[in-house]
PDB file of N, CA and C in Angstrom:
ATOM      1  N   UNK A   1     -13.400 -27.646 103.847  1.00  0.00           N
ATOM      2  CA  UNK A   1     -12.051 -27.555 104.365  1.00  0.00           C
ATOM      3  C   UNK A   1     -11.193 -28.587 103.631  1.00  0.00           C
ATOM      4  N   UNK A   2     -10.037 -28.169 103.185  1.00  0.00           N
ATOM      5  CA  UNK A   2      -9.195 -29.096 102.442  1.00  0.00           C
ATOM      6  C   UNK A   2      -8.500 -30.073 103.386  1.00  0.00           C
ATOM      7  N   UNK A   3      -8.041 -31.126 102.824  1.00  0.00           N
ATOM      8  CA  UNK A   3      -7.379 -32.172 103.610  1.00  0.00           C
ATOM      9  C   UNK A   3      -6.071 -31.656 104.221  1.00  0.00           C
ATOM     10  N   UNK A   4      -5.330 -30.797 103.490  1.00  0.00           N
ATOM     11  CA  UNK A   4      -4.074 -30.258 104.018  1.00  0.00           C
ATOM     12  C   UNK A   4      -4.316 -29.368 105.235  1.00  0.00           C
ATOM     13  N   UNK A   5      -5.375 -28.577 105.215  1.00  0.00           N
ATOM     14  CA  UNK A   5      -5.694 -27.732 106.362  1.00  0.00           C
ATOM     15  C   UNK A   5      -6.041 -28.586 107.570  1.00  0.00           C
ATOM     16  N   UNK A   6      -6.757 -29.657 107.347  1.00  0.00           N
ATOM     17  CA  UNK A   6      -7.105 -30.565 108.438  1.00  0.00           C
ATOM     18  C   UNK A   6      -5.849 -31.189 109.041  1.00  0.00           C
ATOM     19  N   UNK A   7      -4.914 -31.594 108.202  1.00  0.00           N
ATOM     20  CA  UNK A   7      -3.652 -32.156 108.696  1.00  0.00           C
ATOM     21  C   UNK A   7      -2.865 -31.121 109.488  1.00  0.00           C
ATOM     22  N   UNK A   8      -2.884 -29.875 109.050  1.00  0.00           N
ATOM     23  CA  UNK A   8      -2.167 -28.822 109.772  1.00  0.00           C
ATOM     24  C   UNK A   8      -2.786 -28.577 111.143  1.00  0.00           C
ATOM     25  N   UNK A   9      -4.105 -28.596 111.235  1.00  0.00           N
ATOM     26  CA  UNK A   9      -4.786 -28.403 112.515  1.00  0.00           C
ATOM     27  C   UNK A   9      -4.473 -29.552 113.460  1.00  0.00           C
ATOM     28  N   UNK A  10      -4.535 -30.766 112.962  1.00  0.00           N
ATOM     29  CA  UNK A  10      -4.216 -31.933 113.794  1.00  0.00           C
ATOM     30  C   UNK A  10      -2.767 -31.885 114.254  1.00  0.00           C
ATOM     31  N   UNK A  11      -1.854 -31.511 113.365  1.00  0.00           N
ATOM     32  CA  UNK A  11      -0.443 -31.395 113.735  1.00  0.00           C
ATOM     33  C   UNK A  11      -0.221 -30.331 114.790  1.00  0.00           C
ATOM     34  N   UNK A  12      -0.898 -29.185 114.654  1.00  0.00           N
ATOM     35  CA  UNK A  12      -0.765 -28.118 115.646  1.00  0.00           C
ATOM     36  C   UNK A  12      -1.290 -28.577 117.002  1.00  0.00           C
ATOM     37  N   UNK A  13      -2.391 -29.296 117.021  1.00  0.00           N
ATOM     38  CA  UNK A  13      -2.928 -29.812 118.281  1.00  0.00           C
ATOM     39  C   UNK A  13      -1.972 -30.795 118.936  1.00  0.00           C
ATOM     40  N   UNK A  14      -1.327 -31.623 118.138  1.00  0.00           N
ATOM     41  CA  UNK A  14      -0.355 -32.573 118.682  1.00  0.00           C
ATOM     42  C   UNK A  14       0.820 -31.833 119.308  1.00  0.00           C
ATOM     43  N   UNK A  15       1.292 -30.777 118.639  1.00  0.00           N
ATOM     44  CA  UNK A  15       2.406 -29.985 119.177  1.00  0.00           C
ATOM     45  C   UNK A  15       2.002 -29.312 120.485  1.00  0.00           C
ATOM     46  N   UNK A  16       0.795 -28.774 120.553  1.00  0.00           N
ATOM     47  CA  UNK A  16       0.325 -28.115 121.775  1.00  0.00           C
ATOM     48  C   UNK A  16       0.220 -29.114 122.920  1.00  0.00           C
ATOM     49  N   UNK A  17      -0.330 -30.279 122.656  1.00  0.00           N
ATOM     50  CA  UNK A  17      -0.461 -31.302 123.706  1.00  0.00           C
ATOM     51  C   UNK A  17       0.912 -31.773 124.170  1.00  0.00           C
ATOM     52  N   UNK A  18       1.842 -31.964 123.248  1.00  0.00           N
ATOM     53  CA  UNK A  18       3.195 -32.391 123.622  1.00  0.00           C
ATOM     54  C   UNK A  18       3.887 -31.311 124.456  1.00  0.00           C
ATOM     55  N   UNK A  19       3.730 -30.062 124.072  1.00  0.00           N
ATOM     56  CA  UNK A  19       4.339 -28.968 124.834  1.00  0.00           C
ATOM     57  C   UNK A  19       3.770 -28.866 126.235  1.00  0.00           C
ATOM     58  N   UNK A  20       2.457 -28.970 126.356  1.00  0.00           N
ATOM     59  CA  UNK A  20       1.840 -28.919 127.677  1.00  0.00           C
ATOM     60  C   UNK A  20       2.270 -30.106 128.534  1.00  0.00           C
ATOM     61  N   UNK A  21       2.381 -31.275 127.935  1.00  0.00           N
ATOM     62  CA  UNK A  21       2.819 -32.462 128.678  1.00  0.00           C
ATOM     63  C   UNK A  21       4.231 -32.284 129.202  1.00  0.00           C
ATOM     64  N   UNK A  22       5.122 -31.726 128.394  1.00  0.00           N
ATOM     65  CA  UNK A  22       6.497 -31.484 128.821  1.00  0.00           C
ATOM     66  C   UNK A  22       6.529 -30.469 129.960  1.00  0.00           C
ATOM     67  N   UNK A  23       5.735 -29.398 129.839  1.00  0.00           N
ATOM     68  CA  UNK A  23       5.678 -28.383 130.894  1.00  0.00           C
ATOM     69  C   UNK A  23       5.180 -28.998 132.203  1.00  0.00           C
ATOM     70  N   UNK A  24       4.132 -29.794 132.144  1.00  0.00           N
ATOM     71  CA  UNK A  24       3.584 -30.432 133.343  1.00  0.00           C
ATOM     72  C   UNK A  24       4.604 -31.382 133.966  1.00  0.00           C
ATOM     73  N   UNK A  25       5.347 -32.103 133.136  1.00  0.00           N
ATOM     74  CA  UNK A  25       6.382 -33.007 133.651  1.00  0.00           C
ATOM     75  C   UNK A  25       7.465 -32.219 134.377  1.00  0.00           C
ATOM     76  N   UNK A  26       7.901 -31.097 133.802  1.00  0.00           N
ATOM     77  CA  UNK A  26       8.934 -30.277 134.422  1.00  0.00           C
ATOM     78  C   UNK A  26       8.449 -29.721 135.760  1.00  0.00           C
ATOM     79  N   UNK A  27       7.188 -29.326 135.853  1.00  0.00           N
ATOM     80  CA  UNK A  27       6.642 -28.806 137.097  1.00  0.00           C
ATOM     81  C   UNK A  27       6.588 -29.888 138.173  1.00  0.00           C
ATOM     82  N   UNK A  28       6.336 -31.111 137.785  1.00  0.00           N
ATOM     83  CA  UNK A  28       6.292 -32.214 138.742  1.00  0.00           C
ATOM     84  C   UNK A  28       7.681 -32.552 139.278  1.00  0.00           C
ATOM     85  N   UNK A  29       8.714 -32.273 138.517  1.00  0.00           N
ATOM     86  CA  UNK A  29      10.070 -32.624 138.916  1.00  0.00           C
ATOM     87  C   UNK A  29      10.685 -31.612 139.880  1.00  0.00           C
ATOM     88  N   UNK A  30      10.069 -30.458 140.062  1.00  0.00           N
ATOM     89  CA  UNK A  30      10.605 -29.448 140.963  1.00  0.00           C
ATOM     90  C   UNK A  30      10.508 -29.953 142.399  1.00  0.00           C
ATOM     91  N   UNK A  31      11.548 -29.712 143.179  1.00  0.00           N
ATOM     92  CA  UNK A  31      11.497 -30.149 144.576  1.00  0.00           C
ATOM     93  C   UNK A  31      10.491 -29.319 145.376  1.00  0.00           C
ATOM     94  N   UNK A  32       9.859 -29.956 146.344  1.00  0.00           N
ATOM     95  CA  UNK A  32       8.899 -29.259 147.193  1.00  0.00           C
ATOM     96  C   UNK A  32       9.587 -28.829 148.480  1.00  0.00           C
ATOM     97  N   UNK A  33       9.106 -27.769 149.073  1.00  0.00           N
ATOM     98  CA  UNK A  33       9.653 -27.291 150.334  1.00  0.00           C
ATOM     99  C   UNK A  33      10.295 -25.933 150.170  1.00  0.00           C
ATOM    100  N   UNK A  34      11.353 -25.700 150.931  1.00  0.00           N
ATOM    101  CA  UNK A  34      12.055 -24.420 150.935  1.00  0.00           C
ATOM    102  C   UNK A  34      13.388 -24.581 150.223  1.00  0.00           C
ATOM    103  N   UNK A  35      13.692 -23.623 149.355  1.00  0.00           N
ATOM    104  CA  UNK A  35      14.956 -23.636 148.615  1.00  0.00           C
ATOM    105  C   UNK A  35      15.788 -22.447 149.075  1.00  0.00           C
ATOM    106  N   UNK A  36      17.016 -22.712 149.499  1.00  0.00           N
ATOM    107  CA  UNK A  36      17.923 -21.658 149.964  1.00  0.00           C
ATOM    108  C   UNK A  36      19.107 -21.596 149.014  1.00  0.00           C
ATOM    109  N   UNK A  37      19.385 -20.392 148.493  1.00  0.00           N
ATOM    110  CA  UNK A  37      20.510 -20.197 147.582  1.00  0.00           C
ATOM    111  C   UNK A  37      21.394 -19.080 148.106  1.00  0.00           C
ATOM    112  N   UNK A  38      22.704 -19.293 148.024  1.00  0.00           N
ATOM    113  CA  UNK A  38      23.661 -18.261 148.396  1.00  0.00           C
ATOM    114  C   UNK A  38      24.430 -17.896 147.144  1.00  0.00           C
ATOM    115  N   UNK A  39      24.344 -16.638 146.740  1.00  0.00           N
ATOM    116  CA  UNK A  39      25.005 -16.185 145.520  1.00  0.00           C
ATOM    117  C   UNK A  39      25.659 -14.843 145.732  1.00  0.00           C
ATOM    118  N   UNK A  40      26.072 -14.239 144.634  1.00  0.00           N
ATOM    119  CA  UNK A  40      26.763 -12.953 144.721  1.00  0.00           C
ATOM    120  C   UNK A  40      25.839 -11.834 145.199  1.00  0.00           C
ATOM    121  N   UNK A  41      24.512 -12.036 145.069  1.00  0.00           N
ATOM    122  CA  UNK A  41      23.550 -11.037 145.533  1.00  0.00           C
ATOM    123  C   UNK A  41      23.133 -11.265 146.980  1.00  0.00           C
ATOM    124  N   UNK A  42      23.659 -12.270 147.609  1.00  0.00           N
ATOM    125  CA  UNK A  42      23.335 -12.549 149.000  1.00  0.00           C
ATOM    126  C   UNK A  42      22.523 -13.832 149.142  1.00  0.00           C
ATOM    127  N   UNK A  43      21.777 -13.900 150.212  1.00  0.00           N
ATOM    128  CA  UNK A  43      20.992 -15.081 150.558  1.00  0.00           C
ATOM    129  C   UNK A  43      19.586 -14.954 149.964  1.00  0.00           C
ATOM    130  N   UNK A  44      19.106 -16.043 149.356  1.00  0.00           N
ATOM    131  CA  UNK A  44      17.772 -16.071 148.750  1.00  0.00           C
ATOM    132  C   UNK A  44      17.032 -17.297 149.274  1.00  0.00           C
ATOM    133  N   UNK A  45      15.832 -17.052 149.825  1.00  0.00           N
ATOM    134  CA  UNK A  45      15.006 -18.133 150.338  1.00  0.00           C
ATOM    135  C   UNK A  45      13.689 -18.112 149.564  1.00  0.00           C
ATOM    136  N   UNK A  46      13.344 -19.264 148.959  1.00  0.00           N
ATOM    137  CA  UNK A  46      12.105 -19.371 148.207  1.00  0.00           C
ATOM    138  C   UNK A  46      11.316 -20.571 148.693  1.00  0.00           C
ATOM    139  N   UNK A  47      10.010 -20.371 148.844  1.00  0.00           N
ATOM    140  CA  UNK A  47       9.136 -21.476 149.214  1.00  0.00           C
ATOM    141  C   UNK A  47       8.500 -22.026 147.942  1.00  0.00           C
ATOM    142  N   UNK A  48       8.588 -23.337 147.733  1.00  0.00           N
ATOM    143  CA  UNK A  48       8.032 -23.966 146.530  1.00  0.00           C
ATOM    144  C   UNK A  48       6.639 -24.431 146.769  1.00  0.00           C
TER     145      UNK A  48
END
């Protein structure tokens, strides 16, 4: 395996880990409980 291919694999793994970390952070920031929204389509109730 060439050195450039190894660098590309390591770089791809870093991007995947960073993306997953960002996704997990966003999921942690969501409020817990019941969310009520009133919009043009009416009343929407969602349980988080």
